[in-house]
Each structure stands twice: as C-alpha cells, then as structure tokens.
Amino acid sequence: MLRLVVGRVRIATRSADVVARWGGDEVCVITPGTGTLAELESVCEQIRLAVADAPLACGEWVTVSVGATLLTDRMSPQATFARADEALYAAKRARNAVCVLSPDVPAGEVASWQLAGAS
C-alpha cells in the first residue's frame, strides 16, 4: 500500500519536487519554488486527491492526511519540520484532510517572511 501511495504522490507532484519516506507510513514532499500558503495548499490538495483516486487491487480505497508549512529564512529546517508535523497531526484528527500552517512568527511580530534562499 505504501508503494501505491508514494506512486500516486509522485504523479501529483512536479519533477523538481522531492518525495521521500519519512518514517513508518509518513511521506515527506519538498516543493522548491512554492512561495505562498495558497500554492502549498493547492499542492497538498492535489496529492490528497491523487491518492484518493487510486483504489487498491482488493477494491478498498486509501485516504491520506497532509500537513505542511513553508521553509523560511527565519526558521531552521528542524523547526520547519516540527511545524509541518504539527499540521499533519491536525489533518489526521480531521481524517482525509489537508492542514497548511503558516510558519511560526515570534510573539509581537507581523506574519511576513522571506522564503529560504530567496533574494
């Protein structure tokens, strides 16, 4: 089943995206060039729908929950993955859902950021 899901995720992503098993039954997708939360949510929804459209050989259907955030110059990769994991657990609670969280913003600061590596 994991191979089927990963295959469907690859179909829903671009050639520049990186799809990797993250652990257990979790899959990580890195989407370079995704610059807004709306773009990220669209990518995540495409992934969710691609998996939902693929029945197993036994006729059963698979669903996924997708959690995501953006990597910014203000957050470390570890903090970014922790934020994405937080979003994933929120999506899992809803079941077969997408949850995209904005990057963490320090208390008292306005939610504006620059994408990691952007000039």
PDB file of N, CA and C in Angstrom:
ATOM      1  N   MET A   1       0.830  -1.182   0.000  1.00  0.00           N
ATOM      2  CA  MET A   1       0.000   0.000   0.000  1.00  0.00           C
ATOM      3  C   MET A   1       0.877   1.249   0.000  1.00  0.00           C
ATOM      4  N   LEU A   2       1.980   1.216   0.744  1.00  0.00           N
ATOM      5  CA  LEU A   2       2.863   2.377   0.793  1.00  0.00           C
ATOM      6  C   LEU A   2       3.415   2.697  -0.596  1.00  0.00           C
ATOM      7  N   ARG A   3       3.779   1.689  -1.357  1.00  0.00           N
ATOM      8  CA  ARG A   3       4.267   1.910  -2.718  1.00  0.00           C
ATOM      9  C   ARG A   3       3.191   2.556  -3.594  1.00  0.00           C
ATOM     10  N   LEU A   4       1.966   2.111  -3.453  1.00  0.00           N
ATOM     11  CA  LEU A   4       0.864   2.706  -4.218  1.00  0.00           C
ATOM     12  C   LEU A   4       0.719   4.183  -3.861  1.00  0.00           C
ATOM     13  N   VAL A   5       0.730   4.474  -2.582  1.00  0.00           N
ATOM     14  CA  VAL A   5       0.563   5.856  -2.131  1.00  0.00           C
ATOM     15  C   VAL A   5       1.710   6.725  -2.648  1.00  0.00           C
ATOM     16  N   VAL A   6       2.942   6.257  -2.499  1.00  0.00           N
ATOM     17  CA  VAL A   6       4.088   7.040  -2.966  1.00  0.00           C
ATOM     18  C   VAL A   6       4.017   7.239  -4.479  1.00  0.00           C
ATOM     19  N   GLY A   7       3.605   6.220  -5.208  1.00  0.00           N
ATOM     20  CA  GLY A   7       3.446   6.358  -6.655  1.00  0.00           C
ATOM     21  C   GLY A   7       2.423   7.419  -7.011  1.00  0.00           C
ATOM     22  N   ARG A   8       1.321   7.442  -6.279  1.00  0.00           N
ATOM     23  CA  ARG A   8       0.287   8.458  -6.528  1.00  0.00           C
ATOM     24  C   ARG A   8       0.782   9.854  -6.139  1.00  0.00           C
ATOM     25  N   VAL A   9       1.556   9.943  -5.068  1.00  0.00           N
ATOM     26  CA  VAL A   9       2.118  11.235  -4.664  1.00  0.00           C
ATOM     27  C   VAL A   9       3.050  11.740  -5.759  1.00  0.00           C
ATOM     28  N   ARG A  10       3.864  10.858  -6.306  1.00  0.00           N
ATOM     29  CA  ARG A  10       4.785  11.270  -7.378  1.00  0.00           C
ATOM     30  C   ARG A  10       4.021  11.761  -8.605  1.00  0.00           C
ATOM     31  N   ILE A  11       2.905  11.138  -8.916  1.00  0.00           N
ATOM     32  CA  ILE A  11       2.079  11.574 -10.053  1.00  0.00           C
ATOM     33  C   ILE A  11       1.560  12.990  -9.813  1.00  0.00           C
ATOM     34  N   ALA A  12       1.252  13.317  -8.566  1.00  0.00           N
ATOM     35  CA  ALA A  12       0.652  14.615  -8.238  1.00  0.00           C
ATOM     36  C   ALA A  12       1.678  15.720  -8.059  1.00  0.00           C
ATOM     37  N   THR A  13       2.961  15.381  -8.056  1.00  0.00           N
ATOM     38  CA  THR A  13       3.987  16.393  -7.826  1.00  0.00           C
ATOM     39  C   THR A  13       4.783  16.664  -9.095  1.00  0.00           C
ATOM     40  N   ARG A  14       5.567  17.727  -9.050  1.00  0.00           N
ATOM     41  CA  ARG A  14       6.388  18.114 -10.196  1.00  0.00           C
ATOM     42  C   ARG A  14       7.709  17.355 -10.172  1.00  0.00           C
ATOM     43  N   SER A  15       8.410  17.351 -11.294  1.00  0.00           N
ATOM     44  CA  SER A  15       9.687  16.634 -11.365  1.00  0.00           C
ATOM     45  C   SER A  15      10.727  17.239 -10.426  1.00  0.00           C
ATOM     46  N   ALA A  16      10.644  18.515 -10.114  1.00  0.00           N
ATOM     47  CA  ALA A  16      11.599  19.167  -9.217  1.00  0.00           C
ATOM     48  C   ALA A  16      11.324  18.861  -7.744  1.00  0.00           C
ATOM     49  N   ASP A  17      10.136  18.355  -7.432  1.00  0.00           N
ATOM     50  CA  ASP A  17       9.781  18.053  -6.049  1.00  0.00           C
ATOM     51  C   ASP A  17      10.490  16.782  -5.586  1.00  0.00           C
ATOM     52  N   VAL A  18      10.773  16.716  -4.303  1.00  0.00           N
ATOM     53  CA  VAL A  18      11.425  15.550  -3.718  1.00  0.00           C
ATOM     54  C   VAL A  18      10.393  14.805  -2.890  1.00  0.00           C
ATOM     55  N   VAL A  19      10.214  13.513  -3.196  1.00  0.00           N
ATOM     56  CA  VAL A  19       9.278  12.658  -2.466  1.00  0.00           C
ATOM     57  C   VAL A  19      10.100  11.589  -1.758  1.00  0.00           C
ATOM     58  N   ALA A  20       9.940  11.476  -0.433  1.00  0.00           N
ATOM     59  CA  ALA A  20      10.725  10.509   0.329  1.00  0.00           C
ATOM     60  C   ALA A  20       9.906   9.958   1.492  1.00  0.00           C
ATOM     61  N   ARG A  21      10.179   8.721   1.834  1.00  0.00           N
ATOM     62  CA  ARG A  21       9.560   8.142   3.021  1.00  0.00           C
ATOM     63  C   ARG A  21      10.185   8.801   4.236  1.00  0.00           C
ATOM     64  N   TRP A  22       9.367   9.256   5.145  1.00  0.00           N
ATOM     65  CA  TRP A  22       9.853   9.984   6.304  1.00  0.00           C
ATOM     66  C   TRP A  22       9.950   9.076   7.524  1.00  0.00           C
ATOM     67  N   GLY A  23       9.194   8.025   7.538  1.00  0.00           N
ATOM     68  CA  GLY A  23       9.208   7.087   8.661  1.00  0.00           C
ATOM     69  C   GLY A  23       7.857   6.439   8.782  1.00  0.00           C
ATOM     70  N   GLY A  24       7.853   5.164   9.099  1.00  0.00           N
ATOM     71  CA  GLY A  24       6.580   4.456   9.213  1.00  0.00           C
ATOM     72  C   GLY A  24       5.803   4.589   7.923  1.00  0.00           C
ATOM     73  N   ASP A  25       4.614   5.144   8.026  1.00  0.00           N
ATOM     74  CA  ASP A  25       3.789   5.326   6.827  1.00  0.00           C
ATOM     75  C   ASP A  25       3.707   6.788   6.407  1.00  0.00           C
ATOM     76  N   GLU A  26       4.656   7.600   6.877  1.00  0.00           N
ATOM     77  CA  GLU A  26       4.664   9.017   6.518  1.00  0.00           C
ATOM     78  C   GLU A  26       5.587   9.277   5.340  1.00  0.00           C
ATOM     79  N   VAL A  27       5.166  10.197   4.485  1.00  0.00           N
ATOM     80  CA  VAL A  27       5.917  10.578   3.299  1.00  0.00           C
ATOM     81  C   VAL A  27       6.167  12.077   3.370  1.00  0.00           C
ATOM     82  N   CYS A  28       7.373  12.493   3.039  1.00  0.00           N
ATOM     83  CA  CYS A  28       7.746  13.901   3.041  1.00  0.00           C
ATOM     84  C   CYS A  28       7.870  14.364   1.591  1.00  0.00           C
ATOM     85  N   VAL A  29       7.301  15.521   1.296  1.00  0.00           N
ATOM     86  CA  VAL A  29       7.428  16.110  -0.038  1.00  0.00           C
ATOM     87  C   VAL A  29       8.005  17.505   0.129  1.00  0.00           C
ATOM     88  N   ILE A  30       9.125  17.764  -0.533  1.00  0.00           N
ATOM     89  CA  ILE A  30       9.734  19.084  -0.528  1.00  0.00           C
ATOM     90  C   ILE A  30       9.445  19.711  -1.882  1.00  0.00           C
ATOM     91  N   THR A  31       8.846  20.894  -1.866  1.00  0.00           N
ATOM     92  CA  THR A  31       8.365  21.528  -3.096  1.00  0.00           C
ATOM     93  C   THR A  31       9.085  22.855  -3.331  1.00  0.00           C
ATOM     94  N   PRO A  32      10.291  22.803  -3.909  1.00  0.00           N
ATOM     95  CA  PRO A  32      11.037  24.047  -4.143  1.00  0.00           C
ATOM     96  C   PRO A  32      10.250  25.007  -5.038  1.00  0.00           C
ATOM     97  N   GLY A  33      10.318  26.278  -4.702  1.00  0.00           N
ATOM     98  CA  GLY A  33       9.641  27.278  -5.517  1.00  0.00           C
ATOM     99  C   GLY A  33       8.202  27.539  -5.114  1.00  0.00           C
ATOM    100  N   THR A  34       7.689  26.784  -4.161  1.00  0.00           N
ATOM    101  CA  THR A  34       6.331  27.051  -3.671  1.00  0.00           C
ATOM    102  C   THR A  34       6.434  28.233  -2.730  1.00  0.00           C
ATOM    103  N   GLY A  35       5.823  29.351  -3.117  1.00  0.00           N
ATOM    104  CA  GLY A  35       6.077  30.590  -2.417  1.00  0.00           C
ATOM    105  C   GLY A  35       4.980  31.137  -1.540  1.00  0.00           C
ATOM    106  N   THR A  36       3.783  30.578  -1.625  1.00  0.00           N
ATOM    107  CA  THR A  36       2.697  31.094  -0.794  1.00  0.00           C
ATOM    108  C   THR A  36       1.956  29.933  -0.141  1.00  0.00           C
ATOM    109  N   LEU A  37       1.257  30.256   0.926  1.00  0.00           N
ATOM    110  CA  LEU A  37       0.458  29.235   1.594  1.00  0.00           C
ATOM    111  C   LEU A  37      -0.636  28.704   0.663  1.00  0.00           C
ATOM    112  N   ALA A  38      -1.186  29.569  -0.176  1.00  0.00           N
ATOM    113  CA  ALA A  38      -2.226  29.136  -1.120  1.00  0.00           C
ATOM    114  C   ALA A  38      -1.655  28.138  -2.135  1.00  0.00           C
ATOM    115  N   GLU A  39      -0.449  28.415  -2.647  1.00  0.00           N
ATOM    116  CA  GLU A  39       0.191  27.466  -3.576  1.00  0.00           C
ATOM    117  C   GLU A  39       0.460  26.137  -2.878  1.00  0.00           C
ATOM    118  N   LEU A  40       0.942  26.208  -1.650  1.00  0.00           N
ATOM    119  CA  LEU A  40       1.240  25.000  -0.893  1.00  0.00           C
ATOM    120  C   LEU A  40      -0.028  24.203  -0.627  1.00  0.00           C
ATOM    121  N   GLU A  41      -1.085  24.879  -0.267  1.00  0.00           N
ATOM    122  CA  GLU A  41      -2.358  24.192  -0.025  1.00  0.00           C
ATOM    123  C   GLU A  41      -2.851  23.510  -1.297  1.00  0.00           C
ATOM    124  N   SER A  42      -2.692  24.157  -2.434  1.00  0.00           N
ATOM    125  CA  SER A  42      -3.095  23.568  -3.711  1.00  0.00           C
ATOM    126  C   SER A  42      -2.300  22.292  -4.009  1.00  0.00           C
ATOM    127  N   VAL A  43      -0.987  22.333  -3.794  1.00  0.00           N
ATOM    128  CA  VAL A  43      -0.152  21.148  -3.999  1.00  0.00           C
ATOM    129  C   VAL A  43      -0.617  20.014  -3.082  1.00  0.00           C
ATOM    130  N   CYS A  44      -0.847  20.339  -1.826  1.00  0.00           N
ATOM    131  CA  CYS A  44      -1.282  19.326  -0.855  1.00  0.00           C
ATOM    132  C   CYS A  44      -2.630  18.717  -1.233  1.00  0.00           C
ATOM    133  N   GLU A  45      -3.539  19.542  -1.687  1.00  0.00           N
ATOM    134  CA  GLU A  45      -4.856  19.040  -2.088  1.00  0.00           C
ATOM    135  C   GLU A  45      -4.732  18.151  -3.327  1.00  0.00           C
ATOM    136  N   GLN A  46      -3.851  18.496  -4.261  1.00  0.00           N
ATOM    137  CA  GLN A  46      -3.616  17.642  -5.435  1.00  0.00           C
ATOM    138  C   GLN A  46      -3.100  16.277  -4.994  1.00  0.00           C
ATOM    139  N   ILE A  47      -2.205  16.259  -4.028  1.00  0.00           N
ATOM    140  CA  ILE A  47      -1.680  14.993  -3.501  1.00  0.00           C
ATOM    141  C   ILE A  47      -2.797  14.193  -2.851  1.00  0.00           C
ATOM    142  N   ARG A  48      -3.574  14.833  -2.002  1.00  0.00           N
ATOM    143  CA  ARG A  48      -4.671  14.136  -1.306  1.00  0.00           C
ATOM    144  C   ARG A  48      -5.638  13.514  -2.304  1.00  0.00           C
ATOM    145  N   LEU A  49      -6.001  14.275  -3.322  1.00  0.00           N
ATOM    146  CA  LEU A  49      -6.943  13.771  -4.324  1.00  0.00           C
ATOM    147  C   LEU A  49      -6.335  12.662  -5.180  1.00  0.00           C
ATOM    148  N   ALA A  50      -5.051  12.769  -5.514  1.00  0.00           N
ATOM    149  CA  ALA A  50      -4.390  11.738  -6.328  1.00  0.00           C
ATOM    150  C   ALA A  50      -4.387  10.399  -5.604  1.00  0.00           C
ATOM    151  N   VAL A  51      -4.165  10.424  -4.304  1.00  0.00           N
ATOM    152  CA  VAL A  51      -4.182   9.181  -3.537  1.00  0.00           C
ATOM    153  C   VAL A  51      -5.605   8.649  -3.419  1.00  0.00           C
ATOM    154  N   ALA A  52      -6.552   9.522  -3.172  1.00  0.00           N
ATOM    155  CA  ALA A  52      -7.947   9.100  -3.012  1.00  0.00           C
ATOM    156  C   ALA A  52      -8.524   8.511  -4.292  1.00  0.00           C
ATOM    157  N   ASP A  53      -7.973   8.880  -5.439  1.00  0.00           N
ATOM    158  CA  ASP A  53      -8.476   8.386  -6.719  1.00  0.00           C
ATOM    159  C   ASP A  53      -7.915   7.016  -7.098  1.00  0.00           C
ATOM    160  N   ALA A  54      -7.131   6.389  -6.234  1.00  0.00           N
ATOM    161  CA  ALA A  54      -6.459   5.131  -6.579  1.00  0.00           C
ATOM    162  C   ALA A  54      -6.922   3.995  -5.678  1.00  0.00           C
ATOM    163  N   PRO A  55      -7.870   3.191  -6.129  1.00  0.00           N
ATOM    164  CA  PRO A  55      -8.298   2.060  -5.299  1.00  0.00           C
ATOM    165  C   PRO A  55      -7.219   0.980  -5.260  1.00  0.00           C
ATOM    166  N   LEU A  56      -7.179   0.246  -4.164  1.00  0.00           N
ATOM    167  CA  LEU A  56      -6.278  -0.901  -4.059  1.00  0.00           C
ATOM    168  C   LEU A  56      -6.802  -2.035  -4.930  1.00  0.00           C
ATOM    169  N   ALA A  57      -5.967  -3.025  -5.191  1.00  0.00           N
ATOM    170  CA  ALA A  57      -6.367  -4.171  -6.023  1.00  0.00           C
ATOM    171  C   ALA A  57      -7.573  -4.892  -5.431  1.00  0.00           C
ATOM    172  N   CYS A  58      -7.726  -4.845  -4.102  1.00  0.00           N
ATOM    173  CA  CYS A  58      -8.848  -5.525  -3.451  1.00  0.00           C
ATOM    174  C   CYS A  58     -10.132  -4.698  -3.494  1.00  0.00           C
ATOM    175  N   GLY A  59     -10.060  -3.505  -4.089  1.00  0.00           N
ATOM    176  CA  GLY A  59     -11.250  -2.659  -4.196  1.00  0.00           C
ATOM    177  C   GLY A  59     -11.406  -1.668  -3.073  1.00  0.00           C
ATOM    178  N   GLU A  60     -10.544  -1.723  -2.064  1.00  0.00           N
ATOM    179  CA  GLU A  60     -10.596  -0.764  -0.967  1.00  0.00           C
ATOM    180  C   GLU A  60      -9.957   0.554  -1.404  1.00  0.00           C
ATOM    181  N   TRP A  61     -10.336   1.627  -0.726  1.00  0.00           N
ATOM    182  CA  TRP A  61      -9.793   2.949  -1.046  1.00  0.00           C
ATOM    183  C   TRP A  61      -8.861   3.410   0.056  1.00  0.00           C
ATOM    184  N   VAL A  62      -7.868   4.172  -0.323  1.00  0.00           N
ATOM    185  CA  VAL A  62      -6.896   4.722   0.613  1.00  0.00           C
ATOM    186  C   VAL A  62      -7.103   6.228   0.682  1.00  0.00           C
ATOM    187  N   THR A  63      -6.989   6.766   1.875  1.00  0.00           N
ATOM    188  CA  THR A  63      -7.032   8.216   2.024  1.00  0.00           C
ATOM    189  C   THR A  63      -5.755   8.653   2.743  1.00  0.00           C
ATOM    190  N   VAL A  64      -5.425   9.926   2.610  1.00  0.00           N
ATOM    191  CA  VAL A  64      -4.261  10.469   3.313  1.00  0.00           C
ATOM    192  C   VAL A  64      -4.625  11.781   3.979  1.00  0.00           C
ATOM    193  N   SER A  65      -3.875  12.065   5.010  1.00  0.00           N
ATOM    194  CA  SER A  65      -3.941  13.367   5.660  1.00  0.00           C
ATOM    195  C   SER A  65      -2.623  14.059   5.359  1.00  0.00           C
ATOM    196  N   VAL A  66      -2.684  15.333   5.014  1.00  0.00           N
ATOM    197  CA  VAL A  66      -1.495  16.065   4.588  1.00  0.00           C
ATOM    198  C   VAL A  66      -1.316  17.300   5.466  1.00  0.00           C
ATOM    199  N   GLY A  67      -0.118  17.444   6.023  1.00  0.00           N
ATOM    200  CA  GLY A  67       0.224  18.622   6.805  1.00  0.00           C
ATOM    201  C   GLY A  67       1.429  19.302   6.186  1.00  0.00           C
ATOM    202  N   ALA A  68       1.455  20.628   6.193  1.00  0.00           N
ATOM    203  CA  ALA A  68       2.540  21.340   5.523  1.00  0.00           C
ATOM    204  C   ALA A  68       2.743  22.729   6.097  1.00  0.00           C
ATOM    205  N   THR A  69       3.934  23.265   5.811  1.00  0.00           N
ATOM    206  CA  THR A  69       4.273  24.650   6.110  1.00  0.00           C
ATOM    207  C   THR A  69       5.358  25.078   5.128  1.00  0.00           C
ATOM    208  N   LEU A  70       5.718  26.332   5.153  1.00  0.00           N
ATOM    209  CA  LEU A  70       6.781  26.853   4.292  1.00  0.00           C
ATOM    210  C   LEU A  70       8.091  26.948   5.055  1.00  0.00           C
ATOM    211  N   LEU A  71       9.191  26.674   4.372  1.00  0.00           N
ATOM    212  CA  LEU A  71      10.525  26.897   4.919  1.00  0.00           C
ATOM    213  C   LEU A  71      10.879  28.361   4.670  1.00  0.00           C
ATOM    214  N   THR A  72      11.266  29.048   5.723  1.00  0.00           N
ATOM    215  CA  THR A  72      11.608  30.466   5.589  1.00  0.00           C
ATOM    216  C   THR A  72      13.025  30.714   6.096  1.00  0.00           C
ATOM    217  N   ASP A  73      13.542  31.890   5.816  1.00  0.00           N
ATOM    218  CA  ASP A  73      14.859  32.276   6.319  1.00  0.00           C
ATOM    219  C   ASP A  73      14.864  32.441   7.836  1.00  0.00           C
ATOM    220  N   ARG A  74      13.709  32.543   8.442  1.00  0.00           N
ATOM    221  CA  ARG A  74      13.622  32.786   9.886  1.00  0.00           C
ATOM    222  C   ARG A  74      13.478  31.514  10.697  1.00  0.00           C
ATOM    223  N   MET A  75      13.253  30.375  10.027  1.00  0.00           N
ATOM    224  CA  MET A  75      13.068  29.113  10.749  1.00  0.00           C
ATOM    225  C   MET A  75      14.120  28.102  10.307  1.00  0.00           C
ATOM    226  N   SER A  76      14.617  27.360  11.257  1.00  0.00           N
ATOM    227  CA  SER A  76      15.562  26.295  10.936  1.00  0.00           C
ATOM    228  C   SER A  76      14.812  25.153  10.255  1.00  0.00           C
ATOM    229  N   PRO A  77      15.524  24.297   9.536  1.00  0.00           N
ATOM    230  CA  PRO A  77      14.860  23.125   8.960  1.00  0.00           C
ATOM    231  C   PRO A  77      14.175  22.274  10.035  1.00  0.00           C
ATOM    232  N   GLN A  78      14.794  22.145  11.205  1.00  0.00           N
ATOM    233  CA  GLN A  78      14.190  21.352  12.279  1.00  0.00           C
ATOM    234  C   GLN A  78      12.874  21.971  12.750  1.00  0.00           C
ATOM    235  N   ALA A  79      12.855  23.275  12.910  1.00  0.00           N
ATOM    236  CA  ALA A  79      11.626  23.952  13.329  1.00  0.00           C
ATOM    237  C   ALA A  79      10.563  23.858  12.242  1.00  0.00           C
ATOM    238  N   THR A  80      10.996  23.897  10.990  1.00  0.00           N
ATOM    239  CA  THR A  80      10.051  23.785   9.877  1.00  0.00           C
ATOM    240  C   THR A  80       9.408  22.403   9.864  1.00  0.00           C
ATOM    241  N   PHE A  81      10.220  21.363  10.026  1.00  0.00           N
ATOM    242  CA  PHE A  81       9.661  20.007  10.064  1.00  0.00           C
ATOM    243  C   PHE A  81       8.738  19.821  11.263  1.00  0.00           C
ATOM    244  N   ALA A  82       9.087  20.417  12.401  1.00  0.00           N
ATOM    245  CA  ALA A  82       8.215  20.331  13.576  1.00  0.00           C
ATOM    246  C   ALA A  82       6.871  21.009  13.298  1.00  0.00           C
ATOM    247  N   ARG A  83       6.905  22.142  12.596  1.00  0.00           N
ATOM    248  CA  ARG A  83       5.664  22.861  12.252  1.00  0.00           C
ATOM    249  C   ARG A  83       4.835  22.036  11.268  1.00  0.00           C
ATOM    250  N   ALA A  84       5.489  21.421  10.288  1.00  0.00           N
ATOM    251  CA  ALA A  84       4.774  20.563   9.333  1.00  0.00           C
ATOM    252  C   ALA A  84       4.174  19.358  10.058  1.00  0.00           C
ATOM    253  N   ASP A  85       4.887  18.816  11.025  1.00  0.00           N
ATOM    254  CA  ASP A  85       4.378  17.692  11.803  1.00  0.00           C
ATOM    255  C   ASP A  85       3.149  18.108  12.609  1.00  0.00           C
ATOM    256  N   GLU A  86       3.189  19.322  13.156  1.00  0.00           N
ATOM    257  CA  GLU A  86       2.024  19.865  13.868  1.00  0.00           C
ATOM    258  C   GLU A  86       0.814  19.938  12.932  1.00  0.00           C
ATOM    259  N   ALA A  87       1.053  20.403  11.712  1.00  0.00           N
ATOM    260  CA  ALA A  87      -0.028  20.478  10.720  1.00  0.00           C
ATOM    261  C   ALA A  87      -0.532  19.085  10.361  1.00  0.00           C
ATOM    262  N   LEU A  88       0.390  18.129  10.237  1.00  0.00           N
ATOM    263  CA  LEU A  88      -0.009  16.766   9.903  1.00  0.00           C
ATOM    264  C   LEU A  88      -0.933  16.187  10.962  1.00  0.00           C
ATOM    265  N   TYR A  89      -0.596  16.372  12.233  1.00  0.00           N
ATOM    266  CA  TYR A  89      -1.450  15.831  13.288  1.00  0.00           C
ATOM    267  C   TYR A  89      -2.819  16.503  13.315  1.00  0.00           C
ATOM    268  N   ALA A  90      -2.886  17.775  12.988  1.00  0.00           N
ATOM    269  CA  ALA A  90      -4.185  18.444  12.876  1.00  0.00           C
ATOM    270  C   ALA A  90      -4.986  17.844  11.730  1.00  0.00           C
ATOM    271  N   ALA A  91      -4.322  17.559  10.607  1.00  0.00           N
ATOM    272  CA  ALA A  91      -5.010  16.948   9.462  1.00  0.00           C
ATOM    273  C   ALA A  91      -5.454  15.529   9.797  1.00  0.00           C
ATOM    274  N   LYS A  92      -4.637  14.790  10.530  1.00  0.00           N
ATOM    275  CA  LYS A  92      -5.000  13.422  10.911  1.00  0.00           C
ATOM    276  C   LYS A  92      -6.240  13.409  11.810  1.00  0.00           C
ATOM    277  N   ARG A  93      -6.333  14.400  12.697  1.00  0.00           N
ATOM    278  CA  ARG A  93      -7.519  14.467  13.567  1.00  0.00           C
ATOM    279  C   ARG A  93      -8.787  14.657  12.737  1.00  0.00           C
ATOM    280  N   ALA A  94      -8.680  15.387  11.642  1.00  0.00           N
ATOM    281  CA  ALA A  94      -9.839  15.614  10.766  1.00  0.00           C
ATOM    282  C   ALA A  94     -10.065  14.433   9.819  1.00  0.00           C
ATOM    283  N   ARG A  95      -9.029  13.642   9.551  1.00  0.00           N
ATOM    284  CA  ARG A  95      -9.044  12.471   8.663  1.00  0.00           C
ATOM    285  C   ARG A  95      -9.288  12.882   7.209  1.00  0.00           C
ATOM    286  N   ASN A  96      -8.420  12.377   6.329  1.00  0.00           N
ATOM    287  CA  ASN A  96      -8.525  12.636   4.893  1.00  0.00           C
ATOM    288  C   ASN A  96      -8.611  14.147   4.625  1.00  0.00           C
ATOM    289  N   ALA A  97      -7.687  14.876   5.200  1.00  0.00           N
ATOM    290  CA  ALA A  97      -7.746  16.340   5.140  1.00  0.00           C
ATOM    291  C   ALA A  97      -6.373  16.922   4.858  1.00  0.00           C
ATOM    292  N   VAL A  98      -6.369  18.211   4.548  1.00  0.00           N
ATOM    293  CA  VAL A  98      -5.152  18.988   4.356  1.00  0.00           C
ATOM    294  C   VAL A  98      -5.135  20.084   5.414  1.00  0.00           C
ATOM    295  N   CYS A  99      -3.981  20.252   6.068  1.00  0.00           N
ATOM    296  CA  CYS A  99      -3.802  21.358   7.004  1.00  0.00           C
ATOM    297  C   CYS A  99      -2.475  22.026   6.668  1.00  0.00           C
ATOM    298  N   VAL A 100      -2.525  23.290   6.297  1.00  0.00           N
ATOM    299  CA  VAL A 100      -1.332  24.072   5.990  1.00  0.00           C
ATOM    300  C   VAL A 100      -1.238  25.177   7.038  1.00  0.00           C
ATOM    301  N   LEU A 101      -0.131  25.177   7.781  1.00  0.00           N
ATOM    302  CA  LEU A 101       0.077  26.191   8.803  1.00  0.00           C
ATOM    303  C   LEU A 101       1.118  27.192   8.324  1.00  0.00           C
ATOM    304  N   SER A 102       0.891  28.448   8.664  1.00  0.00           N
ATOM    305  CA  SER A 102       1.911  29.454   8.342  1.00  0.00           C
ATOM    306  C   SER A 102       3.128  29.177   9.213  1.00  0.00           C
ATOM    307  N   PRO A 103       4.292  29.612   8.765  1.00  0.00           N
ATOM    308  CA  PRO A 103       5.486  29.457   9.598  1.00  0.00           C
ATOM    309  C   PRO A 103       5.290  30.157  10.942  1.00  0.00           C
ATOM    310  N   ASP A 104       5.966  29.642  11.968  1.00  0.00           N
ATOM    311  CA  ASP A 104       5.896  30.287  13.283  1.00  0.00           C
ATOM    312  C   ASP A 104       6.378  31.720  13.198  1.00  0.00           C
ATOM    313  N   VAL A 105       5.696  32.594  13.879  1.00  0.00           N
ATOM    314  CA  VAL A 105       6.075  34.010  13.930  1.00  0.00           C
ATOM    315  C   VAL A 105       6.327  34.351  15.393  1.00  0.00           C
ATOM    316  N   PRO A 106       7.494  34.880  15.711  1.00  0.00           N
ATOM    317  CA  PRO A 106       7.760  35.258  17.107  1.00  0.00           C
ATOM    318  C   PRO A 106       6.696  36.217  17.634  1.00  0.00           C
ATOM    319  N   ALA A 107       6.404  36.112  18.910  1.00  0.00           N
ATOM    320  CA  ALA A 107       5.375  36.948  19.539  1.00  0.00           C
ATOM    321  C   ALA A 107       5.638  38.420  19.259  1.00  0.00           C
ATOM    322  N   GLY A 108       4.596  39.124  18.873  1.00  0.00           N
ATOM    323  CA  GLY A 108       4.687  40.554  18.639  1.00  0.00           C
ATOM    324  C   GLY A 108       5.146  40.945  17.250  1.00  0.00           C
ATOM    325  N   GLU A 109       5.504  39.962  16.408  1.00  0.00           N
ATOM    326  CA  GLU A 109       5.944  40.283  15.048  1.00  0.00           C
ATOM    327  C   GLU A 109       4.810  40.047  14.059  1.00  0.00           C
ATOM    328  N   VAL A 110       4.841  40.776  12.968  1.00  0.00           N
ATOM    329  CA  VAL A 110       3.859  40.619  11.897  1.00  0.00           C
ATOM    330  C   VAL A 110       4.239  39.393  11.081  1.00  0.00           C
ATOM    331  N   ALA A 111       3.244  38.678  10.614  1.00  0.00           N
ATOM    332  CA  ALA A 111       3.479  37.466   9.819  1.00  0.00           C
ATOM    333  C   ALA A 111       3.929  37.838   8.417  1.00  0.00           C
ATOM    334  N   SER A 112       5.205  38.192   8.278  1.00  0.00           N
ATOM    335  CA  SER A 112       5.768  38.387   6.958  1.00  0.00           C
ATOM    336  C   SER A 112       7.110  37.696   6.988  1.00  0.00           C
ATOM    337  N   TRP A 113       7.452  37.051   5.876  1.00  0.00           N
ATOM    338  CA  TRP A 113       8.687  36.300   5.836  1.00  0.00           C
ATOM    339  C   TRP A 113       9.209  36.246   4.431  1.00  0.00           C
ATOM    340  N   GLN A 114      10.439  35.850   4.333  1.00  0.00           N
ATOM    341  CA  GLN A 114      11.068  35.641   3.039  1.00  0.00           C
ATOM    342  C   GLN A 114      11.348  34.157   2.934  1.00  0.00           C
ATOM    343  N   LEU A 115      11.071  33.580   1.770  1.00  0.00           N
ATOM    344  CA  LEU A 115      11.325  32.167   1.585  1.00  0.00           C
ATOM    345  C   LEU A 115      12.800  31.869   1.739  1.00  0.00           C
ATOM    346  N   ALA A 116      13.109  30.716   2.283  1.00  0.00           N
ATOM    347  CA  ALA A 116      14.502  30.321   2.461  1.00  0.00           C
ATOM    348  C   ALA A 116      15.215  30.346   1.121  1.00  0.00           C
ATOM    349  N   GLY A 117      16.362  30.983   1.101  1.00  0.00           N
ATOM    350  CA  GLY A 117      17.157  31.043  -0.120  1.00  0.00           C
ATOM    351  C   GLY A 117      16.725  32.096  -1.108  1.00  0.00           C
ATOM    352  N   ALA A 118      15.593  32.750  -0.869  1.00  0.00           N
ATOM    353  CA  ALA A 118      15.108  33.781  -1.805  1.00  0.00           C
ATOM    354  C   ALA A 118      15.934  35.048  -1.623  1.00  0.00           C
ATOM    355  N   SER A 119      16.080  35.784  -2.701  1.00  0.00           N
ATOM    356  CA  SER A 119      16.853  37.030  -2.575  1.00  0.00           C
ATOM    357  C   SER A 119      15.937  38.232  -2.520  1.00  0.00           C
TER     358      SER A 119
END
